[in-house]
Amino acid sequence: MKRFYFILASFTLLAMVSCNSKSKKKAATISAEEMAAYKQAAGMFAVLPTEAPNPANPLTKEKIALGKALYYDVRLSKDKTQSCNTCHNIATYGVDNEPTSKGDNGGRGTRNSPTVFNAALHSAQFWDGRNKDVEEQAGGPILNPVEMAIPDEAFVLDRLKKVDAYKKMFSDAYPNDKDPFTFKNLTWAIAAFERTLLTPSKFDKFLAGNDKALSAAELKGMKTFVDVGCTTCHSGALLGGTLFMKFGLTVNYWDLTHSAVVDSGKYVETHNLADMYVFKSMPMRNIEKTAPYFHDGSVADLGEAIKIMGKAELNRDLTDKQVADIEVFLKTLTGDIPKNALLTEAQ
């Protein structure tokens, strides 16, 4: 009798496993009509470029190597407490995961430090777009009194000239310059390194034609992202980073984010009323890794940030299901950290 019950239980378990397996298989099946709809939605996006060139700043292995060394060097801050990597940590997807970052003397900035990954593909730099490219941006924090606090260009150049390794690296990176130790060469080398920080993901494989690169849930999340209107600001290869938009089109953003300080956005730079509360629409690439969110890092949870954007920009009260679906899709935008960008023990 015990043997009979054991056999019966075994058949029951096998039947349950088989049904569950068939159920999962059925749930993962995507019809031709559904795939056609997903591909139509995917038309709002583009494969991430494999390069981020600037003809005025040709990339060479020597210049990239110099830029990498400088990126990690605390000598670029007055009291040698900060490097570019301090606020834009390569090992943590180009951010420090802080609402705002500490500067050379311990004081904090007023805006969240955005990721350096894929930044070279943005239409402009900083939350307010005050710099046109990474070449122009790279020098700003070094001379900013709240950030790296270097008093002037000569100060940092004189400091670096005393480092034997840099004498060779600057000469190798700029072999045609009579004096390679210039602030422009310093910042453009950093920019050259930053132009290598691209992070393609499995989403790009789907966009390139691999229909099996994304799961049914991820594809559904992509379509939800498109259908609710997120692509108004977040489309193209970066899913953002190419335009500026008022944060809070339908409601005061601070009523949703509970921000401690109301930031006027681009208006601070332009003093144009049309730029009041206008910020760059940040790319969604690697978004799951770059919390906290928004210009002031006021929201730590990605789902909450999605819901806030739905209300603030689209005047939509997104359901929990819509938020969850979108979040599943956004996680497909997480790429690998470029291994050659990480600091090794030898360096």
Protein backbone atom coordinates (compact mmCIF):
# COMPACT_ATOMS: atom_id res chain seq x y z
CA MET A 1 0.00 0.00 0.00
CA LYS A 2 2.82 2.42 0.84
CA ARG A 3 4.41 1.63 -2.52
CA PHE A 4 1.08 2.39 -4.26
CA TYR A 5 0.79 5.80 -2.57
CA PHE A 6 4.43 6.58 -3.38
CA ILE A 7 3.86 5.78 -7.08
CA LEU A 8 0.62 7.79 -7.09
CA ALA A 9 2.33 10.77 -5.48
CA SER A 10 5.17 10.54 -8.01
CA PHE A 11 2.75 10.57 -10.95
CA THR A 12 0.89 13.51 -9.42
CA LEU A 13 4.13 15.48 -8.96
CA LEU A 14 5.20 14.70 -12.54
CA ALA A 15 1.82 15.85 -13.84
CA MET A 16 2.05 19.10 -11.87
CA VAL A 17 5.58 19.78 -13.13
CA SER A 18 4.49 19.01 -16.67
CA CYS A 19 1.46 21.33 -16.46
CA ASN A 20 3.52 24.07 -14.88
CA SER A 21 6.16 23.70 -17.59
CA LYS A 22 3.51 23.88 -20.32
CA SER A 23 1.95 26.90 -18.62
CA LYS A 24 5.30 28.71 -18.50
CA LYS A 25 5.97 27.81 -22.13
CA LYS A 26 2.57 29.11 -23.14
CA ALA A 27 3.07 32.33 -21.17
CA ALA A 28 6.39 32.94 -22.92
CA THR A 29 4.95 32.38 -26.41
CA ILE A 30 4.69 35.53 -28.51
CA SER A 31 2.36 35.57 -31.49
CA ALA A 32 3.33 37.06 -34.83
CA GLU A 33 0.82 39.86 -34.28
CA GLU A 34 2.28 40.67 -30.87
CA MET A 35 5.84 40.67 -32.20
CA ALA A 36 4.76 43.01 -35.00
CA ALA A 37 3.31 45.39 -32.40
CA TYR A 38 6.49 45.19 -30.33
CA LYS A 39 8.65 45.94 -33.35
CA GLN A 40 6.46 48.89 -34.21
CA ALA A 41 6.95 50.22 -30.67
CA ALA A 42 10.69 49.62 -30.98
CA GLY A 43 10.72 52.06 -33.88
CA MET A 44 10.92 54.83 -31.29
CA PHE A 45 14.43 53.70 -30.35
CA ALA A 46 17.81 53.05 -31.99
CA VAL A 47 20.79 50.79 -31.41
CA LEU A 48 23.41 52.39 -29.19
CA PRO A 49 26.36 53.56 -31.33
CA THR A 50 29.59 51.64 -30.92
CA GLU A 51 31.62 54.88 -30.94
CA ALA A 52 31.22 58.43 -29.68
CA PRO A 53 33.73 60.32 -31.83
CA ASN A 54 34.61 64.00 -31.89
CA PRO A 55 36.63 64.88 -35.02
CA ALA A 56 38.21 67.77 -33.14
CA ASN A 57 39.48 65.38 -30.47
CA PRO A 58 40.71 62.23 -32.25
CA LEU A 59 40.92 59.19 -29.99
CA THR A 60 44.30 57.52 -29.62
CA LYS A 61 45.31 54.82 -27.17
CA GLU A 62 47.85 57.24 -25.65
CA LYS A 63 45.28 59.97 -25.13
CA ILE A 64 42.74 57.55 -23.68
CA ALA A 65 45.37 56.14 -21.30
CA LEU A 66 46.25 59.64 -20.13
CA GLY A 67 42.59 60.50 -19.70
CA LYS A 68 41.99 57.38 -17.64
CA ALA A 69 44.93 58.15 -15.35
CA LEU A 70 43.70 61.71 -14.85
CA TYR A 71 40.11 60.55 -14.28
CA TYR A 72 41.19 58.54 -11.24
CA ASP A 73 43.75 61.04 -9.90
CA VAL A 74 42.93 62.95 -6.68
CA ARG A 75 45.63 65.47 -7.57
CA LEU A 76 42.99 67.14 -9.69
CA SER A 77 41.38 68.46 -6.51
CA LYS A 78 42.89 71.13 -4.27
CA ASP A 79 43.24 69.06 -1.10
CA LYS A 80 43.65 65.77 -3.00
CA THR A 81 40.38 64.37 -1.69
CA GLN A 82 38.44 64.06 -4.95
CA SER A 83 38.92 62.59 -8.39
CA CYS A 84 36.48 62.50 -11.29
CA ASN A 85 35.77 58.94 -10.19
CA THR A 86 34.72 60.04 -6.70
CA CYS A 87 31.41 61.40 -7.96
CA HIS A 88 31.25 59.35 -11.18
CA ASN A 89 32.43 55.96 -9.97
CA ILE A 90 33.12 53.65 -12.90
CA ALA A 91 32.64 50.58 -10.69
CA THR A 92 29.08 51.68 -9.77
CA TYR A 93 27.84 52.64 -13.21
CA GLY A 94 29.37 56.09 -13.28
CA VAL A 95 27.61 57.51 -10.22
CA ASP A 96 28.15 57.68 -6.46
CA ASN A 97 24.52 56.79 -5.59
CA GLU A 98 24.26 59.92 -3.43
CA PRO A 99 21.53 62.58 -3.78
CA THR A 100 24.28 65.18 -4.18
CA SER A 101 28.04 64.73 -4.04
CA LYS A 102 30.67 65.93 -1.59
CA GLY A 103 33.29 68.36 -2.82
CA ASP A 104 36.95 68.83 -1.97
CA ASN A 105 36.24 70.44 1.40
CA GLY A 106 33.32 68.18 2.31
CA GLY A 107 30.55 70.53 1.22
CA ARG A 108 27.84 69.21 -1.05
CA GLY A 109 26.76 70.38 -4.48
CA THR A 110 23.18 71.30 -5.27
CA ARG A 111 22.48 68.76 -8.02
CA ASN A 112 22.77 65.01 -8.44
CA SER A 113 25.89 63.75 -10.22
CA PRO A 114 24.64 62.01 -13.39
CA THR A 115 26.30 58.94 -14.83
CA VAL A 116 29.33 59.42 -17.05
CA PHE A 117 28.39 56.32 -19.06
CA ASN A 118 27.20 57.24 -22.57
CA ALA A 119 27.41 60.93 -21.62
CA ALA A 120 29.52 61.66 -24.70
CA LEU A 121 26.40 60.96 -26.80
CA HIS A 122 24.26 63.58 -25.05
CA SER A 123 23.29 66.71 -26.97
CA ALA A 124 24.67 68.84 -24.10
CA GLN A 125 26.21 68.36 -20.66
CA PHE A 126 24.99 69.01 -17.10
CA TRP A 127 21.37 69.12 -16.01
CA ASP A 128 21.01 72.60 -17.50
CA GLY A 129 23.00 71.95 -20.69
CA ARG A 130 25.48 74.74 -20.07
CA ASN A 131 28.33 72.84 -21.76
CA LYS A 132 28.08 71.51 -25.31
CA ASP A 133 30.19 68.36 -24.96
CA VAL A 134 32.37 66.29 -22.63
CA GLU A 135 35.47 68.20 -23.73
CA GLU A 136 33.98 71.41 -22.41
CA GLN A 137 32.45 69.74 -19.38
CA ALA A 138 35.58 67.98 -18.13
CA GLY A 139 37.27 71.15 -16.90
CA GLY A 140 34.29 72.60 -15.05
CA PRO A 141 34.34 70.50 -11.87
CA ILE A 142 38.14 70.86 -11.52
CA LEU A 143 37.89 74.65 -11.19
CA ASN A 144 34.55 74.71 -9.38
CA PRO A 145 35.09 75.95 -5.77
CA VAL A 146 32.40 73.63 -4.42
CA GLU A 147 33.62 70.55 -6.28
CA MET A 148 37.37 70.01 -6.85
CA ALA A 149 38.31 73.56 -5.85
CA ILE A 150 41.50 73.95 -7.92
CA PRO A 151 42.17 77.74 -7.77
CA ASP A 152 43.32 78.11 -11.39
CA GLU A 153 44.63 76.16 -14.38
CA ALA A 154 48.31 76.85 -13.62
CA PHE A 155 47.92 75.33 -10.14
CA VAL A 156 46.95 71.88 -11.38
CA LEU A 157 49.38 71.92 -14.32
CA ASP A 158 52.31 72.78 -12.06
CA ARG A 159 51.30 69.93 -9.76
CA LEU A 160 51.11 67.39 -12.57
CA LYS A 161 54.41 68.48 -14.13
CA LYS A 162 56.16 67.20 -11.02
CA VAL A 163 54.91 63.66 -11.69
CA ASP A 164 57.40 61.76 -13.86
CA ALA A 165 54.78 59.42 -15.30
CA TYR A 166 52.73 62.35 -16.56
CA LYS A 167 55.71 63.89 -18.36
CA LYS A 168 55.83 60.88 -20.65
CA MET A 169 52.05 60.39 -20.86
CA PHE A 170 51.34 63.99 -21.92
CA SER A 171 54.15 63.85 -24.49
CA ASP A 172 52.90 60.54 -25.87
CA ALA A 173 49.30 61.77 -26.04
CA TYR A 174 50.20 65.07 -27.72
CA PRO A 175 53.45 64.37 -29.65
CA ASN A 176 53.10 67.40 -31.93
CA ASP A 177 52.73 69.96 -29.14
CA LYS A 178 55.77 71.96 -28.10
CA ASP A 179 54.32 72.12 -24.60
CA PRO A 180 51.81 69.31 -24.09
CA PHE A 181 51.05 70.43 -20.52
CA THR A 182 48.00 72.61 -21.18
CA PHE A 183 44.66 72.67 -19.43
CA LYS A 184 42.91 71.98 -22.74
CA ASN A 185 45.02 68.87 -23.29
CA LEU A 186 44.27 67.73 -19.75
CA THR A 187 40.50 68.10 -20.12
CA TRP A 188 40.38 66.74 -23.64
CA ALA A 189 42.28 63.63 -22.55
CA ILE A 190 39.67 63.04 -19.84
CA ALA A 191 36.98 63.54 -22.47
CA ALA A 192 38.69 61.05 -24.75
CA PHE A 193 38.51 58.45 -21.98
CA GLU A 194 34.85 59.29 -21.35
CA ARG A 195 34.09 58.75 -25.04
CA THR A 196 34.94 55.09 -24.55
CA LEU A 197 32.36 54.59 -21.78
CA LEU A 198 29.54 53.11 -23.85
CA THR A 199 27.28 50.37 -22.47
CA PRO A 200 25.25 48.41 -25.03
CA SER A 201 22.71 46.01 -23.52
CA LYS A 202 20.50 43.13 -24.57
CA PHE A 203 17.93 45.72 -25.70
CA ASP A 204 20.33 46.62 -28.52
CA LYS A 205 20.41 42.98 -29.59
CA PHE A 206 16.63 43.09 -29.95
CA LEU A 207 16.78 46.35 -31.89
CA ALA A 208 19.43 44.80 -34.13
CA GLY A 209 17.08 41.95 -35.07
CA ASN A 210 17.37 39.27 -32.39
CA ASP A 211 13.70 38.56 -31.59
CA LYS A 212 14.68 36.30 -28.70
CA ALA A 213 16.86 38.85 -26.91
CA LEU A 214 13.97 40.03 -24.70
CA SER A 215 11.36 38.05 -22.80
CA ALA A 216 7.63 38.49 -23.32
CA ALA A 217 7.44 40.49 -20.08
CA GLU A 218 10.27 42.78 -21.17
CA LEU A 219 8.68 43.34 -24.57
CA LYS A 220 5.35 44.12 -22.94
CA GLY A 221 7.09 46.60 -20.68
CA MET A 222 8.64 48.30 -23.70
CA LYS A 223 5.24 48.65 -25.34
CA THR A 224 3.75 50.04 -22.13
CA PHE A 225 6.63 52.56 -21.98
CA VAL A 226 5.73 53.69 -25.50
CA ASP A 227 1.95 53.55 -25.12
CA VAL A 228 1.74 55.70 -21.99
CA GLY A 229 3.85 58.42 -23.63
CA CYS A 230 7.30 58.10 -22.04
CA THR A 231 8.93 58.34 -25.46
CA THR A 232 7.89 61.99 -25.74
CA CYS A 233 11.15 62.69 -23.89
CA HIS A 234 12.88 59.31 -23.76
CA SER A 235 13.45 57.91 -27.23
CA GLY A 236 16.35 57.35 -29.63
CA ALA A 237 19.50 55.39 -28.85
CA LEU A 238 19.88 56.77 -25.33
CA LEU A 239 16.17 56.94 -24.49
CA GLY A 240 16.74 60.57 -23.55
CA GLY A 241 19.66 62.96 -23.32
CA THR A 242 18.77 64.94 -26.42
CA LEU A 243 16.22 67.53 -25.32
CA PHE A 244 15.17 69.73 -22.43
CA MET A 245 11.78 69.72 -20.78
CA LYS A 246 10.03 71.44 -17.92
CA PHE A 247 9.93 69.15 -14.91
CA GLY A 248 6.35 69.41 -13.76
CA LEU A 249 4.26 70.12 -16.86
CA THR A 250 1.04 69.33 -15.04
CA VAL A 251 1.90 69.83 -11.38
CA ASN A 252 4.67 71.37 -9.28
CA TYR A 253 7.40 68.72 -9.28
CA TRP A 254 8.32 69.37 -5.65
CA ASP A 255 4.81 68.41 -4.55
CA LEU A 256 5.58 64.92 -5.85
CA THR A 257 9.29 64.60 -5.03
CA HIS A 258 9.08 66.45 -1.69
CA SER A 259 12.33 68.16 -2.61
CA ALA A 260 13.92 70.18 0.18
CA VAL A 261 14.89 72.97 -2.25
CA VAL A 262 13.06 74.15 -5.35
CA ASP A 263 15.54 74.33 -8.23
CA SER A 264 14.75 76.71 -11.11
CA GLY A 265 16.64 74.53 -13.57
CA LYS A 266 18.00 76.01 -16.77
CA TYR A 267 16.64 79.43 -15.73
CA VAL A 268 19.57 79.75 -13.31
CA GLU A 269 21.88 79.97 -16.34
CA THR A 270 19.74 81.78 -18.90
CA HIS A 271 17.40 83.97 -16.79
CA ASN A 272 14.82 83.26 -19.48
CA LEU A 273 11.37 82.63 -18.00
CA ALA A 274 10.77 79.95 -20.63
CA ASP A 275 13.56 77.96 -18.98
CA MET A 276 12.01 77.97 -15.51
CA TYR A 277 12.14 74.42 -14.06
CA VAL A 278 13.58 73.10 -17.34
CA PHE A 279 16.11 70.25 -17.11
CA LYS A 280 17.71 67.82 -19.52
CA SER A 281 15.64 64.70 -20.03
CA MET A 282 18.15 62.17 -18.80
CA PRO A 283 18.74 58.90 -20.70
CA MET A 284 17.26 55.70 -19.36
CA ARG A 285 20.41 53.67 -20.06
CA ASN A 286 21.54 51.85 -16.87
CA ILE A 287 18.76 53.62 -14.97
CA GLU A 288 18.27 50.75 -12.51
CA LYS A 289 21.86 51.23 -11.32
CA THR A 290 21.96 55.02 -11.01
CA ALA A 291 19.62 55.86 -8.14
CA PRO A 292 18.70 58.23 -6.58
CA TYR A 293 16.76 60.01 -9.30
CA PHE A 294 16.02 63.49 -10.60
CA HIS A 295 18.21 66.58 -10.53
CA ASP A 296 18.32 66.64 -6.75
CA GLY A 297 18.40 62.91 -6.06
CA SER A 298 15.17 63.27 -4.13
CA VAL A 299 13.71 59.86 -5.01
CA ALA A 300 15.53 56.60 -4.33
CA ASP A 301 13.06 54.06 -5.74
CA LEU A 302 12.81 53.52 -9.51
CA GLY A 303 9.14 52.54 -9.39
CA GLU A 304 8.28 55.71 -7.47
CA ALA A 305 10.27 57.78 -9.97
CA ILE A 306 8.32 56.23 -12.86
CA LYS A 307 5.02 57.01 -11.16
CA ILE A 308 6.10 60.60 -10.47
CA MET A 309 7.10 61.15 -14.09
CA GLY A 310 3.75 59.78 -15.26
CA LYS A 311 1.93 62.36 -13.19
CA ALA A 312 4.31 65.30 -13.53
CA GLU A 313 4.86 65.08 -17.30
CA LEU A 314 1.90 63.15 -18.71
CA ASN A 315 -0.82 63.86 -16.14
CA ARG A 316 -1.37 60.14 -15.87
CA ASP A 317 -1.89 58.14 -12.70
CA LEU A 318 0.01 55.05 -13.75
CA THR A 319 -1.25 51.82 -12.24
CA ASP A 320 1.02 49.61 -10.19
CA LYS A 321 0.94 47.10 -13.06
CA GLN A 322 2.01 49.72 -15.61
CA VAL A 323 4.84 50.88 -13.34
CA ALA A 324 6.01 47.32 -12.77
CA ASP A 325 5.90 46.55 -16.52
CA ILE A 326 7.90 49.68 -17.37
CA GLU A 327 10.45 48.87 -14.68
CA VAL A 328 10.95 45.39 -16.16
CA PHE A 329 11.65 46.98 -19.53
CA LEU A 330 14.02 49.61 -18.16
CA LYS A 331 16.19 46.91 -16.65
CA THR A 332 16.92 45.63 -20.17
CA LEU A 333 18.85 48.87 -20.69
CA THR A 334 21.53 47.89 -18.20
CA GLY A 335 24.79 47.14 -19.98
CA ASP A 336 28.12 45.84 -18.78
CA ILE A 337 30.68 48.15 -17.22
CA PRO A 338 33.56 48.41 -19.72
CA LYS A 339 36.34 46.33 -18.16
CA ASN A 340 39.11 48.45 -19.66
CA ALA A 341 37.68 51.49 -17.86
CA LEU A 342 38.07 49.99 -14.38
CA LEU A 343 41.10 50.85 -12.31
CA THR A 344 43.42 47.87 -11.94
CA GLU A 345 45.86 47.19 -9.10
CA ALA A 346 48.74 47.84 -11.48
CA GLN A 347 47.43 51.32 -12.11
